[in-house]
Each structure stands twice: as C-alpha cells, then as structure tokens.
C-alpha cells in the first residue's frame, strides 16, 4: 500500500492544499478568500494552517494593507511535492481496487 501523508490526509487540510496547489507557483491566496471558498471559520482554518505550516507544506506571510492585517498563504515547493505524492498514493489505492 502506498504511503499517504497523514498531515495532508485530514479532509480540511486536503481541501486547503488542493486550493493552494491550484494556484500558480508564485501566487498566494489571502486568508479571507480561502476561508470563504472552503466555508471554514477563522479558528478552524487557522488551526489547520498552523499544522500545515509546521509540516513545511505552506508558507504564511502577514502584512498590513490600509492599516489592516492581511494574511497571505501559498503552498511551499515541498508542500506541492507532498500534495502531488499524496494524490498519486490515493490514485494508486483507487486503481488497485479495480
């Protein structure tokens, strides 16, 4: 059985990584956009992002825009590789059940 990434495998984190990996390599999503797109609360999204950041899968950039805090998120290079490997592992599991 192929190895799956236990950090990414959790359903909300899988959706976060899918959303971030759908962006270009130098693109970022802001926290509010991701929260709305995935229908998550601030706390839920924040907790999952901390887990993904600790694993090195996402980068978090905090800044101010018009004196208001803004958080930008992106899949890291290693996060993109981990996500691709995780998706390949899931595909292999699906293909082996034929």
N, C-alpha and C. Protein backbone atom coordinates (compact mmCIF):
# COMPACT_ATOMS: atom_id res chain seq x y z
N UNK A 1 0.85 -1.19 0.00
CA UNK A 1 0.00 0.00 0.00
C UNK A 1 0.89 1.24 0.00
N UNK A 2 0.60 2.22 -0.84
CA UNK A 2 1.43 3.42 -0.91
C UNK A 2 1.32 4.27 0.36
N UNK A 3 2.36 5.04 0.60
CA UNK A 3 2.36 5.92 1.77
C UNK A 3 1.54 7.16 1.49
N UNK A 4 0.63 7.46 2.42
CA UNK A 4 -0.11 8.71 2.32
C UNK A 4 0.44 9.67 3.36
N UNK A 5 0.32 10.93 3.10
CA UNK A 5 0.80 11.97 4.01
C UNK A 5 -0.28 12.21 5.06
N UNK A 6 -0.01 11.80 6.30
CA UNK A 6 -1.01 11.90 7.37
C UNK A 6 -1.41 13.34 7.67
N UNK A 7 -0.50 14.29 7.45
CA UNK A 7 -0.84 15.70 7.68
C UNK A 7 -1.82 16.18 6.62
N UNK A 8 -1.57 15.85 5.38
CA UNK A 8 -2.42 16.28 4.27
C UNK A 8 -3.72 15.48 4.23
N UNK A 9 -3.69 14.25 4.68
CA UNK A 9 -4.83 13.35 4.52
C UNK A 9 -6.10 13.82 5.23
N UNK A 10 -5.97 14.58 6.29
CA UNK A 10 -7.14 15.08 7.02
C UNK A 10 -7.99 15.89 6.02
N UNK A 11 -9.31 15.67 5.95
CA UNK A 11 -10.13 16.27 4.88
C UNK A 11 -10.02 17.78 4.72
N UNK A 12 -10.03 18.55 5.79
CA UNK A 12 -9.94 20.01 5.64
C UNK A 12 -8.56 20.39 5.11
N UNK A 13 -7.52 19.77 5.63
CA UNK A 13 -6.16 20.09 5.15
C UNK A 13 -5.98 19.67 3.69
N UNK A 14 -6.61 18.58 3.30
CA UNK A 14 -6.57 18.15 1.90
C UNK A 14 -7.21 19.20 1.01
N UNK A 15 -8.34 19.75 1.44
CA UNK A 15 -9.01 20.81 0.67
C UNK A 15 -8.18 22.08 0.62
N UNK A 16 -7.53 22.43 1.74
CA UNK A 16 -6.66 23.62 1.76
C UNK A 16 -5.52 23.44 0.77
N UNK A 17 -4.86 22.28 0.83
CA UNK A 17 -3.73 22.04 -0.07
C UNK A 17 -4.19 22.02 -1.53
N UNK A 18 -5.35 21.43 -1.80
CA UNK A 18 -5.86 21.42 -3.18
C UNK A 18 -6.09 22.84 -3.67
N UNK A 19 -6.66 23.68 -2.82
CA UNK A 19 -6.92 25.07 -3.21
C UNK A 19 -5.61 25.81 -3.45
N UNK A 20 -4.64 25.65 -2.56
CA UNK A 20 -3.37 26.37 -2.70
C UNK A 20 -2.54 25.83 -3.86
N UNK A 21 -2.59 24.52 -4.09
CA UNK A 21 -1.81 23.95 -5.19
C UNK A 21 -2.44 24.24 -6.55
N UNK A 22 -3.71 24.67 -6.56
CA UNK A 22 -4.33 25.05 -7.83
C UNK A 22 -3.84 26.42 -8.30
N UNK A 23 -3.19 27.16 -7.41
CA UNK A 23 -2.61 28.46 -7.77
C UNK A 23 -1.28 28.24 -8.47
N UNK A 24 -0.83 29.25 -9.17
CA UNK A 24 0.49 29.19 -9.78
C UNK A 24 1.57 29.15 -8.72
N UNK A 25 2.79 28.74 -9.09
CA UNK A 25 3.87 28.59 -8.12
C UNK A 25 4.22 29.87 -7.33
N UNK A 26 3.96 31.02 -7.90
CA UNK A 26 4.29 32.28 -7.21
C UNK A 26 3.04 33.03 -6.76
N UNK A 27 1.89 32.38 -6.86
CA UNK A 27 0.64 33.02 -6.45
C UNK A 27 0.32 32.72 -4.99
N UNK A 28 -0.46 33.61 -4.38
CA UNK A 28 -0.89 33.45 -3.00
C UNK A 28 -2.40 33.66 -2.92
N UNK A 29 -2.98 33.11 -1.87
CA UNK A 29 -4.39 33.37 -1.58
C UNK A 29 -4.44 34.08 -0.25
N UNK A 30 -5.39 34.99 -0.09
CA UNK A 30 -5.48 35.60 1.22
C UNK A 30 -6.41 34.77 2.11
N UNK A 31 -6.21 34.91 3.41
CA UNK A 31 -6.90 34.12 4.42
C UNK A 31 -8.41 34.20 4.23
N UNK A 32 -8.94 35.40 4.04
CA UNK A 32 -10.39 35.59 3.91
C UNK A 32 -10.95 34.86 2.70
N UNK A 33 -10.23 34.92 1.59
CA UNK A 33 -10.66 34.24 0.37
C UNK A 33 -10.74 32.73 0.62
N UNK A 34 -9.68 32.18 1.22
CA UNK A 34 -9.63 30.75 1.47
C UNK A 34 -10.72 30.33 2.47
N UNK A 35 -10.93 31.14 3.48
CA UNK A 35 -11.97 30.87 4.48
C UNK A 35 -13.34 30.80 3.80
N UNK A 36 -13.61 31.76 2.93
CA UNK A 36 -14.90 31.78 2.24
C UNK A 36 -15.03 30.64 1.24
N UNK A 37 -13.99 30.41 0.47
CA UNK A 37 -14.01 29.36 -0.56
C UNK A 37 -14.25 27.98 0.06
N UNK A 38 -13.66 27.74 1.22
CA UNK A 38 -13.76 26.42 1.85
C UNK A 38 -14.85 26.36 2.93
N UNK A 39 -15.54 27.48 3.15
CA UNK A 39 -16.61 27.56 4.16
C UNK A 39 -16.13 27.12 5.54
N UNK A 40 -15.04 27.75 5.99
CA UNK A 40 -14.46 27.43 7.30
C UNK A 40 -14.54 28.64 8.22
N UNK A 41 -14.44 28.40 9.50
CA UNK A 41 -14.36 29.51 10.45
C UNK A 41 -12.92 29.98 10.54
N UNK A 42 -12.72 31.17 11.10
CA UNK A 42 -11.35 31.68 11.30
C UNK A 42 -10.52 30.69 12.10
N UNK A 43 -11.08 30.23 13.22
CA UNK A 43 -10.34 29.33 14.11
C UNK A 43 -10.02 28.00 13.47
N UNK A 44 -10.97 27.45 12.73
CA UNK A 44 -10.74 26.16 12.09
C UNK A 44 -9.66 26.28 11.03
N UNK A 45 -9.77 27.28 10.16
CA UNK A 45 -8.76 27.47 9.12
C UNK A 45 -7.41 27.75 9.75
N UNK A 46 -7.37 28.62 10.76
CA UNK A 46 -6.11 28.95 11.41
C UNK A 46 -5.41 27.74 12.01
N UNK A 47 -6.18 26.88 12.67
CA UNK A 47 -5.59 25.69 13.30
C UNK A 47 -5.00 24.75 12.25
N UNK A 48 -5.73 24.54 11.16
CA UNK A 48 -5.22 23.65 10.11
C UNK A 48 -4.02 24.26 9.40
N UNK A 49 -4.03 25.57 9.22
CA UNK A 49 -2.87 26.22 8.60
C UNK A 49 -1.63 26.11 9.47
N UNK A 50 -1.79 26.20 10.78
CA UNK A 50 -0.64 26.04 11.68
C UNK A 50 -0.04 24.65 11.53
N UNK A 51 -0.89 23.63 11.42
CA UNK A 51 -0.41 22.26 11.24
C UNK A 51 0.33 22.12 9.91
N UNK A 52 -0.25 22.67 8.85
CA UNK A 52 0.39 22.59 7.53
C UNK A 52 1.70 23.38 7.50
N UNK A 53 1.71 24.53 8.18
CA UNK A 53 2.92 25.34 8.23
C UNK A 53 4.02 24.62 9.01
N UNK A 54 3.66 24.00 10.13
CA UNK A 54 4.64 23.27 10.94
C UNK A 54 5.26 22.11 10.15
N UNK A 55 4.49 21.53 9.24
CA UNK A 55 4.99 20.43 8.41
C UNK A 55 5.79 20.95 7.21
N UNK A 56 5.80 22.27 7.01
CA UNK A 56 6.52 22.86 5.88
C UNK A 56 5.75 22.84 4.58
N UNK A 57 4.45 22.56 4.64
CA UNK A 57 3.64 22.45 3.42
C UNK A 57 3.14 23.79 2.91
N UNK A 58 2.99 24.77 3.79
CA UNK A 58 2.51 26.09 3.37
C UNK A 58 3.41 27.18 3.93
N UNK A 59 3.42 28.30 3.24
CA UNK A 59 4.09 29.48 3.78
C UNK A 59 3.02 30.52 4.09
N UNK A 60 3.24 31.24 5.19
CA UNK A 60 2.29 32.23 5.66
C UNK A 60 3.02 33.57 5.71
N UNK A 61 2.43 34.56 5.07
CA UNK A 61 3.00 35.91 5.06
C UNK A 61 1.97 36.87 5.64
N UNK A 62 2.35 37.53 6.72
CA UNK A 62 1.46 38.50 7.36
C UNK A 62 1.95 39.91 7.07
N UNK A 63 1.02 40.77 6.70
CA UNK A 63 1.36 42.14 6.34
C UNK A 63 0.18 43.04 6.69
N UNK A 64 0.29 44.30 6.38
CA UNK A 64 -0.80 45.25 6.58
C UNK A 64 -1.16 45.89 5.25
N UNK A 65 -2.45 46.02 5.00
CA UNK A 65 -2.97 46.71 3.82
C UNK A 65 -3.97 47.74 4.33
N UNK A 66 -3.70 49.01 4.05
CA UNK A 66 -4.55 50.08 4.57
C UNK A 66 -4.73 49.97 6.09
N UNK A 67 -3.64 49.73 6.77
CA UNK A 67 -3.60 49.62 8.24
C UNK A 67 -4.37 48.43 8.81
N UNK A 68 -4.74 47.52 7.95
CA UNK A 68 -5.46 46.33 8.41
C UNK A 68 -4.58 45.11 8.18
N UNK A 69 -4.56 44.18 9.14
CA UNK A 69 -3.74 42.98 8.96
C UNK A 69 -4.27 42.11 7.82
N UNK A 70 -3.35 41.58 7.04
CA UNK A 70 -3.68 40.69 5.93
C UNK A 70 -2.75 39.49 6.02
N UNK A 71 -3.30 38.32 5.82
CA UNK A 71 -2.50 37.09 5.82
C UNK A 71 -2.60 36.46 4.44
N UNK A 72 -1.44 36.19 3.83
CA UNK A 72 -1.37 35.56 2.53
C UNK A 72 -0.77 34.18 2.68
N UNK A 73 -1.31 33.23 1.92
CA UNK A 73 -0.92 31.83 2.04
C UNK A 73 -0.52 31.29 0.68
N UNK A 74 0.44 30.38 0.71
CA UNK A 74 0.88 29.71 -0.52
C UNK A 74 1.37 28.32 -0.18
N UNK A 75 1.23 27.42 -1.12
CA UNK A 75 1.82 26.09 -0.97
C UNK A 75 3.32 26.23 -1.20
N UNK A 76 4.11 25.66 -0.30
CA UNK A 76 5.57 25.69 -0.48
C UNK A 76 5.96 24.68 -1.56
N UNK A 77 7.19 24.77 -2.01
CA UNK A 77 7.67 23.81 -3.01
C UNK A 77 7.57 22.40 -2.47
N UNK A 78 8.01 22.21 -1.24
CA UNK A 78 7.93 20.86 -0.64
C UNK A 78 6.47 20.47 -0.40
N UNK A 79 5.62 21.43 -0.11
CA UNK A 79 4.20 21.15 0.07
C UNK A 79 3.55 20.70 -1.23
N UNK A 80 3.94 21.34 -2.33
CA UNK A 80 3.40 20.93 -3.64
C UNK A 80 3.84 19.50 -3.97
N UNK A 81 5.09 19.18 -3.67
CA UNK A 81 5.59 17.82 -3.92
C UNK A 81 4.85 16.82 -3.03
N UNK A 82 4.67 17.17 -1.76
CA UNK A 82 3.97 16.28 -0.83
C UNK A 82 2.52 16.07 -1.27
N UNK A 83 1.87 17.14 -1.73
CA UNK A 83 0.49 17.03 -2.20
C UNK A 83 0.41 16.14 -3.43
N UNK A 84 1.32 16.33 -4.37
CA UNK A 84 1.33 15.50 -5.59
C UNK A 84 1.57 14.04 -5.24
N UNK A 85 2.48 13.78 -4.31
CA UNK A 85 2.75 12.40 -3.89
C UNK A 85 1.53 11.80 -3.18
N UNK A 86 0.86 12.61 -2.38
CA UNK A 86 -0.34 12.14 -1.68
C UNK A 86 -1.44 11.80 -2.68
N UNK A 87 -1.66 12.66 -3.65
CA UNK A 87 -2.68 12.41 -4.68
C UNK A 87 -2.32 11.15 -5.47
N UNK A 88 -1.05 10.98 -5.78
CA UNK A 88 -0.60 9.77 -6.51
C UNK A 88 -0.84 8.52 -5.68
N UNK A 89 -0.61 8.62 -4.38
CA UNK A 89 -0.83 7.48 -3.49
C UNK A 89 -2.32 7.13 -3.45
N UNK A 90 -3.17 8.15 -3.35
CA UNK A 90 -4.61 7.91 -3.36
C UNK A 90 -5.05 7.28 -4.68
N UNK A 91 -4.49 7.78 -5.79
CA UNK A 91 -4.82 7.24 -7.11
C UNK A 91 -4.40 5.78 -7.21
N UNK A 92 -3.25 5.47 -6.66
CA UNK A 92 -2.76 4.08 -6.68
C UNK A 92 -3.68 3.17 -5.88
N UNK A 93 -4.15 3.67 -4.74
CA UNK A 93 -5.10 2.90 -3.93
C UNK A 93 -6.39 2.66 -4.71
N UNK A 94 -6.89 3.71 -5.35
CA UNK A 94 -8.11 3.57 -6.14
C UNK A 94 -7.93 2.60 -7.31
N UNK A 95 -6.79 2.67 -7.97
CA UNK A 95 -6.52 1.81 -9.12
C UNK A 95 -6.33 0.35 -8.69
N UNK A 96 -5.84 0.13 -7.50
CA UNK A 96 -5.59 -1.25 -7.05
C UNK A 96 -6.89 -1.95 -6.64
N UNK A 97 -7.96 -1.18 -6.48
CA UNK A 97 -9.23 -1.80 -6.08
C UNK A 97 -10.06 -2.24 -7.27
N UNK A 98 -9.53 -2.04 -8.48
CA UNK A 98 -10.28 -2.45 -9.69
C UNK A 98 -10.33 -3.94 -9.83
